[in-house]
C-alpha atoms as a PDB file:
ATOM      1  CA  MET A   1      -7.412  31.556   9.480  1.00  0.00           C
ATOM      2  CA  PRO A   2      -6.106  29.411   6.224  1.00  0.00           C
ATOM      3  CA  ILE A   3      -4.882  26.161   6.935  1.00  0.00           C
ATOM      4  CA  SER A   4      -0.944  25.951   6.044  1.00  0.00           C
ATOM      5  CA  TYR A   5       0.016  22.425   5.040  1.00  0.00           C
ATOM      6  CA  ARG A   6       3.728  20.868   5.022  1.00  0.00           C
ATOM      7  CA  ILE A   7       4.851  17.683   2.898  1.00  0.00           C
ATOM      8  CA  ARG A   8       8.469  16.490   3.412  1.00  0.00           C
ATOM      9  CA  PHE A   9       9.843  13.580   1.403  1.00  0.00           C
ATOM     10  CA  LYS A  10      13.109  11.370   1.376  1.00  0.00           C
ATOM     11  CA  GLN A  11      14.439   9.084  -0.899  1.00  0.00           C
ATOM     12  CA  ALA A  12      17.872   8.257  -0.295  1.00  0.00           C
ATOM     13  CA  ASP A  13      19.866  11.089   0.352  1.00  0.00           C
ATOM     14  CA  THR A  14      17.383  13.466  -1.048  1.00  0.00           C
ATOM     15  CA  GLU A  15      15.172  15.512   1.335  1.00  0.00           C
ATOM     16  CA  PHE A  16      12.516  18.113   0.549  1.00  0.00           C
ATOM     17  CA  GLU A  17       9.961  20.386   2.529  1.00  0.00           C
ATOM     18  CA  VAL A  18       7.438  22.437   1.119  1.00  0.00           C
ATOM     19  CA  GLU A  19       5.084  24.326   3.257  1.00  0.00           C
ATOM     20  CA  GLY A  20       1.956  26.570   1.985  1.00  0.00           C
ATOM     21  CA  ASP A  21      -1.811  25.944   0.778  1.00  0.00           C
ATOM     22  CA  ARG A  22      -2.832  22.654  -0.461  1.00  0.00           C
ATOM     23  CA  ALA A  23      -2.574  23.256  -4.146  1.00  0.00           C
ATOM     24  CA  TYR A  24       0.872  24.892  -3.778  1.00  0.00           C
ATOM     25  CA  VAL A  25       2.251  21.936  -1.625  1.00  0.00           C
ATOM     26  CA  THR A  26       1.035  19.116  -4.174  1.00  0.00           C
ATOM     27  CA  LYS A  27       2.054  20.786  -7.349  1.00  0.00           C
ATOM     28  CA  THR A  28       5.461  21.663  -6.144  1.00  0.00           C
ATOM     29  CA  TYR A  29       5.608  18.217  -5.173  1.00  0.00           C
ATOM     30  CA  GLN A  30       4.711  16.633  -8.443  1.00  0.00           C
ATOM     31  CA  ASP A  31       7.101  19.246 -10.161  1.00  0.00           C
ATOM     32  CA  LEU A  32      10.118  18.184  -7.642  1.00  0.00           C
ATOM     33  CA  LYS A  33       9.322  14.667  -8.623  1.00  0.00           C
ATOM     34  CA  GLU A  34       9.685  15.278 -12.381  1.00  0.00           C
ATOM     35  CA  VAL A  35      12.563  17.429 -12.154  1.00  0.00           C
ATOM     36  CA  LEU A  36      14.872  15.142  -9.816  1.00  0.00           C
ATOM     37  CA  GLY A  37      13.438  11.834 -11.320  1.00  0.00           C
ATOM     38  CA  LEU A  38      11.956  10.719  -7.999  1.00  0.00           C
ATOM     39  CA  SER A  39      10.078   7.384  -8.003  1.00  0.00           C
ATOM     40  CA  GLN A  40       6.650   6.581  -6.472  1.00  0.00           C
ATOM     41  CA  GLN A  41       8.456   5.105  -3.540  1.00  0.00           C
ATOM     42  CA  ALA A  42       8.878   8.587  -2.113  1.00  0.00           C
ATOM     43  CA  LYS A  43       6.067   8.674   0.895  1.00  0.00           C
ATOM     44  CA  PRO A  44       5.430  12.224   1.899  1.00  0.00           C
ATOM     45  CA  VAL A  45       3.656  13.521   4.881  1.00  0.00           C
ATOM     46  CA  LEU A  46       1.070  16.219   4.807  1.00  0.00           C
ATOM     47  CA  GLY A  47       0.584  18.120   8.465  1.00  0.00           C
ATOM     48  CA  GLY A  48      -1.792  20.856   8.814  1.00  0.00           C
ATOM     49  CA  GLU A  49      -2.095  23.002  12.083  1.00  0.00           C
ATOM     50  CA  GLY A  50      -3.145  20.020  14.375  1.00  0.00           C
ATOM     51  CA  ARG A  51      -0.227  18.136  13.529  1.00  0.00           C
ATOM     52  CA  SER A  52      -2.455  15.709  12.123  1.00  0.00           C
ATOM     53  CA  THR A  53      -1.104  13.391   9.164  1.00  0.00           C
ATOM     54  CA  LYS A  54      -2.284  12.496   5.779  1.00  0.00           C
ATOM     55  CA  SER A  55      -0.680  10.964   2.713  1.00  0.00           C
ATOM     56  CA  ILE A  56      -1.399  12.903  -0.320  1.00  0.00           C
ATOM     57  CA  ALA A  57       0.749  10.490  -2.320  1.00  0.00           C
ATOM     58  CA  PRO A  58      -1.331   7.727  -4.409  1.00  0.00           C
ATOM     59  CA  LYS A  59      -0.499   4.376  -2.978  1.00  0.00           C
ATOM     60  CA  SER A  60       1.479   2.020  -4.854  1.00  0.00           C
ATOM     61  CA  GLY A  61       0.695  -1.428  -5.241  1.00  0.00           C
ATOM     62  CA  GLY A  62       4.083  -3.250  -5.030  1.00  0.00           C
ATOM     63  CA  GLY A  63       6.676  -0.846  -4.201  1.00  0.00           C
ATOM     64  CA  LYS A  64       9.510  -1.584  -1.436  1.00  0.00           C
ATOM     65  CA  SER A  65       9.107  -0.079   1.995  1.00  0.00           C
ATOM     66  CA  SER A  66      11.962   0.498   4.445  1.00  0.00           C
ATOM     67  CA  SER A  67      10.125  -1.149   7.437  1.00  0.00           C
ATOM     68  CA  PRO A  68       7.344  -3.748   8.135  1.00  0.00           C
ATOM     69  CA  ARG A  69       5.038  -0.899   9.914  1.00  0.00           C
ATOM     70  CA  GLU A  70       4.995   1.262   6.536  1.00  0.00           C
ATOM     71  CA  PHE A  71       4.307  -1.845   4.548  1.00  0.00           C
ATOM     72  CA  ILE A  72       1.263  -2.461   6.637  1.00  0.00           C
ATOM     73  CA  ASP A  73       0.159   1.265   6.989  1.00  0.00           C
ATOM     74  CA  ARG A  74       0.269   1.205   2.870  1.00  0.00           C
ATOM     75  CA  TYR A  75      -2.653  -1.261   2.658  1.00  0.00           C
ATOM     76  CA  GLY A  76      -4.581  -0.557   6.010  1.00  0.00           C
ATOM     77  CA  LEU A  77      -4.682  -3.730   7.377  1.00  0.00           C
ATOM     78  CA  LYS A  78      -6.387  -4.200  10.408  1.00  0.00           C
ATOM     79  CA  ARG A  79      -6.957  -8.185  10.677  1.00  0.00           C
ATOM     80  CA  HIS A  80      -4.538 -10.204  12.081  1.00  0.00           C
ATOM     81  CA  VAL A  81      -4.695 -12.775   9.397  1.00  0.00           C
ATOM     82  CA  ASP A  82      -3.772 -10.311   6.781  1.00  0.00           C
ATOM     83  CA  ILE A  83      -1.152  -8.618   8.582  1.00  0.00           C
ATOM     84  CA  VAL A  84       0.743 -12.133   8.900  1.00  0.00           C
ATOM     85  CA  LEU A  85       0.190 -12.749   5.343  1.00  0.00           C
ATOM     86  CA  GLY A  86       1.547  -8.929   4.678  1.00  0.00           C
ATOM     87  CA  PHE A  87       4.561  -9.521   6.791  1.00  0.00           C
ATOM     88  CA  GLY A  88       5.352 -13.025   5.250  1.00  0.00           C
ATOM     89  CA  TYR A  89       5.166 -11.091   1.810  1.00  0.00           C
ATOM     90  CA  PHE A  90       7.540  -8.422   3.289  1.00  0.00           C
ATOM     91  CA  LEU A  91       9.891 -10.830   4.507  1.00  0.00           C
ATOM     92  CA  GLU A  92      10.262 -12.656   0.891  1.00  0.00           C
ATOM     93  CA  ARG A  93       9.927  -9.439  -1.324  1.00  0.00           C
ATOM     94  CA  VAL A  94      11.533  -6.917   0.675  1.00  0.00           C
ATOM     95  CA  ARG A  95      14.089  -8.719   3.093  1.00  0.00           C
ATOM     96  CA  GLY A  96      14.504 -11.140   0.310  1.00  0.00           C
ATOM     97  CA  LEU A  97      13.877 -14.133   2.598  1.00  0.00           C
ATOM     98  CA  LYS A  98      13.143 -17.501   0.651  1.00  0.00           C
ATOM     99  CA  SER A  99      11.240 -18.977   3.683  1.00  0.00           C
ATOM    100  CA  PHE A 100      10.176 -17.319   6.972  1.00  0.00           C
ATOM    101  CA  THR A 101       9.092 -18.837  10.325  1.00  0.00           C
ATOM    102  CA  GLY A 102       6.534 -17.614  12.886  1.00  0.00           C
ATOM    103  CA  ALA A 103       9.628 -16.133  14.711  1.00  0.00           C
ATOM    104  CA  ASP A 104      10.120 -14.160  11.661  1.00  0.00           C
ATOM    105  CA  ILE A 105       6.713 -12.854  11.801  1.00  0.00           C
ATOM    106  CA  ASN A 106       6.808 -12.190  15.319  1.00  0.00           C
ATOM    107  CA  THR A 107      10.073 -10.039  15.005  1.00  0.00           C
ATOM    108  CA  CYS A 108       8.176  -7.983  12.115  1.00  0.00           C
ATOM    109  CA  TYR A 109       5.036  -7.232  14.885  1.00  0.00           C
ATOM    110  CA  TYR A 110       7.697  -6.172  17.207  1.00  0.00           C
ATOM    111  CA  GLU A 111       9.832  -3.571  14.602  1.00  0.00           C
ATOM    112  CA  ALA A 112       6.227  -2.689  13.575  1.00  0.00           C
ATOM    113  CA  LYS A 113       5.262  -1.922  17.287  1.00  0.00           C
ATOM    114  CA  ILE A 114       2.076  -3.812  16.884  1.00  0.00           C
ATOM    115  CA  GLU A 115       0.694  -6.286  19.405  1.00  0.00           C
ATOM    116  CA  PRO A 116       0.810  -9.688  18.383  1.00  0.00           C
ATOM    117  CA  SER A 117      -1.966 -12.348  17.736  1.00  0.00           C
ATOM    118  CA  ASN A 118      -1.412 -16.014  17.981  1.00  0.00           C
ATOM    119  CA  THR A 119       0.970 -16.136  14.961  1.00  0.00           C
ATOM    120  CA  SER A 120       0.736 -19.641  14.325  1.00  0.00           C
ATOM    121  CA  GLN A 121      -3.213 -19.662  14.464  1.00  0.00           C
ATOM    122  CA  MET A 122      -2.901 -17.009  11.715  1.00  0.00           C
ATOM    123  CA  ILE A 123      -0.494 -18.876   9.465  1.00  0.00           C
ATOM    124  CA  ILE A 124      -2.727 -22.026   9.829  1.00  0.00           C
ATOM    125  CA  ILE A 125      -5.635 -19.782   8.541  1.00  0.00           C
ATOM    126  CA  ASN A 126      -3.560 -18.420   5.572  1.00  0.00           C
ATOM    127  CA  ILE A 127      -2.532 -21.978   4.853  1.00  0.00           C
ATOM    128  CA  LYS A 128      -6.201 -23.178   4.721  1.00  0.00           C
ATOM    129  CA  LYS A 129      -6.708 -20.376   2.379  1.00  0.00           C
ATOM    130  CA  GLY A 130      -4.150 -21.516  -0.049  1.00  0.00           C
ATOM    131  CA  PHE A 131      -1.674 -18.236   0.629  1.00  0.00           C
ATOM    132  CA  ILE A 132       0.916 -19.695   2.437  1.00  0.00           C
ATOM    133  CA  MET A 133       2.859 -23.204   2.456  1.00  0.00           C
ATOM    134  CA  SER A 134       5.026 -25.054   4.449  1.00  0.00           C
ATOM    135  CA  SER A 135       8.504 -25.158   3.309  1.00  0.00           C
ATOM    136  CA  LYS A 136      11.681 -26.874   4.601  1.00  0.00           C
ATOM    137  CA  LYS A 137      11.937 -27.241   8.007  1.00  0.00           C
ATOM    138  CA  THR A 138      14.975 -24.689   9.447  1.00  0.00           C
ATOM    139  CA  GLY A 139      16.212 -26.537  12.428  1.00  0.00           C
ATOM    140  CA  ALA A 140      13.640 -27.146  14.828  1.00  0.00           C
ATOM    141  CA  ARG A 141      11.347 -24.806  13.148  1.00  0.00           C
ATOM    142  CA  ALA A 142       8.547 -25.161  10.648  1.00  0.00           C
ATOM    143  CA  SER A 143       9.081 -22.713   7.692  1.00  0.00           C
ATOM    144  CA  TYR A 144       6.913 -21.367   5.044  1.00  0.00           C
ATOM    145  CA  THR A 145       6.787 -19.882   2.082  1.00  0.00           C
ATOM    146  CA  LEU A 146       3.736 -17.724   0.405  1.00  0.00           C
ATOM    147  CA  THR A 147       1.871 -19.390  -2.790  1.00  0.00           C
ATOM    148  CA  ARG A 148       1.697 -17.474  -5.943  1.00  0.00           C
ATOM    149  CA  THR A 149      -2.218 -17.106  -4.987  1.00  0.00           C
ATOM    150  CA  GLY A 150      -0.970 -15.565  -1.684  1.00  0.00           C
ATOM    151  CA  GLU A 151       1.550 -13.274  -3.845  1.00  0.00           C
ATOM    152  CA  GLN A 152      -0.903 -12.120  -6.052  1.00  0.00           C
ATOM    153  CA  PHE A 153      -3.801 -11.581  -3.197  1.00  0.00           C
ATOM    154  CA  VAL A 154      -0.979  -9.430  -1.475  1.00  0.00           C
ATOM    155  CA  GLU A 155      -0.174  -7.446  -4.808  1.00  0.00           C
ATOM    156  CA  GLY A 156      -3.823  -7.014  -5.755  1.00  0.00           C
ATOM    157  CA  GLY A 157      -4.177  -4.992  -2.526  1.00  0.00           C
ATOM    158  CA  PHE A 158      -5.419  -7.779  -0.441  1.00  0.00           C
ATOM    159  CA  GLN A 159      -8.735  -7.692  -2.382  1.00  0.00           C
ATOM    160  CA  ALA A 160      -9.913 -11.074  -3.708  1.00  0.00           C
ATOM    161  CA  THR A 161      -9.583 -11.743  -7.775  1.00  0.00           C
ATOM    162  CA  LYS A 162     -11.992 -13.680  -9.515  1.00  0.00           C
ATOM    163  CA  ALA A 163     -10.717 -16.646 -11.272  1.00  0.00           C
ATOM    164  CA  LYS A 164     -11.126 -16.830 -15.309  1.00  0.00           C
END
């Protein structure tokens, strides 16, 4: 029995679902994207009979996502030191914060439904790597911001770049 694929994607108020063989679903998705002028931010989910999901869209490097979990999943982050850096980037770029606190990072963990690690220790490790720096204090709490190196590291897909 051939596998039937289904793709569902949504951007703003526009939502589509296409079902069929993989070639048909992929081609229809590409055609609809061109006709409707949808950006690369649409995140389709392809489901086979076993209800497993796979993404068939190319991963975009710097687009906004609507939740901390989607942002972390985009890069496939597993190490907490990278997750904390990713959440910091998410808070600054997507949510528009000028700086963030450890509590803000813990809120991202909660929203992403990921068990938090020792957030303050992960921030310290990122400071030592030069990816995060201390910012002004917000009340009694220390706040942080990403350095240019930290931003470039995230935008480079969490891959170290060679200095020229």
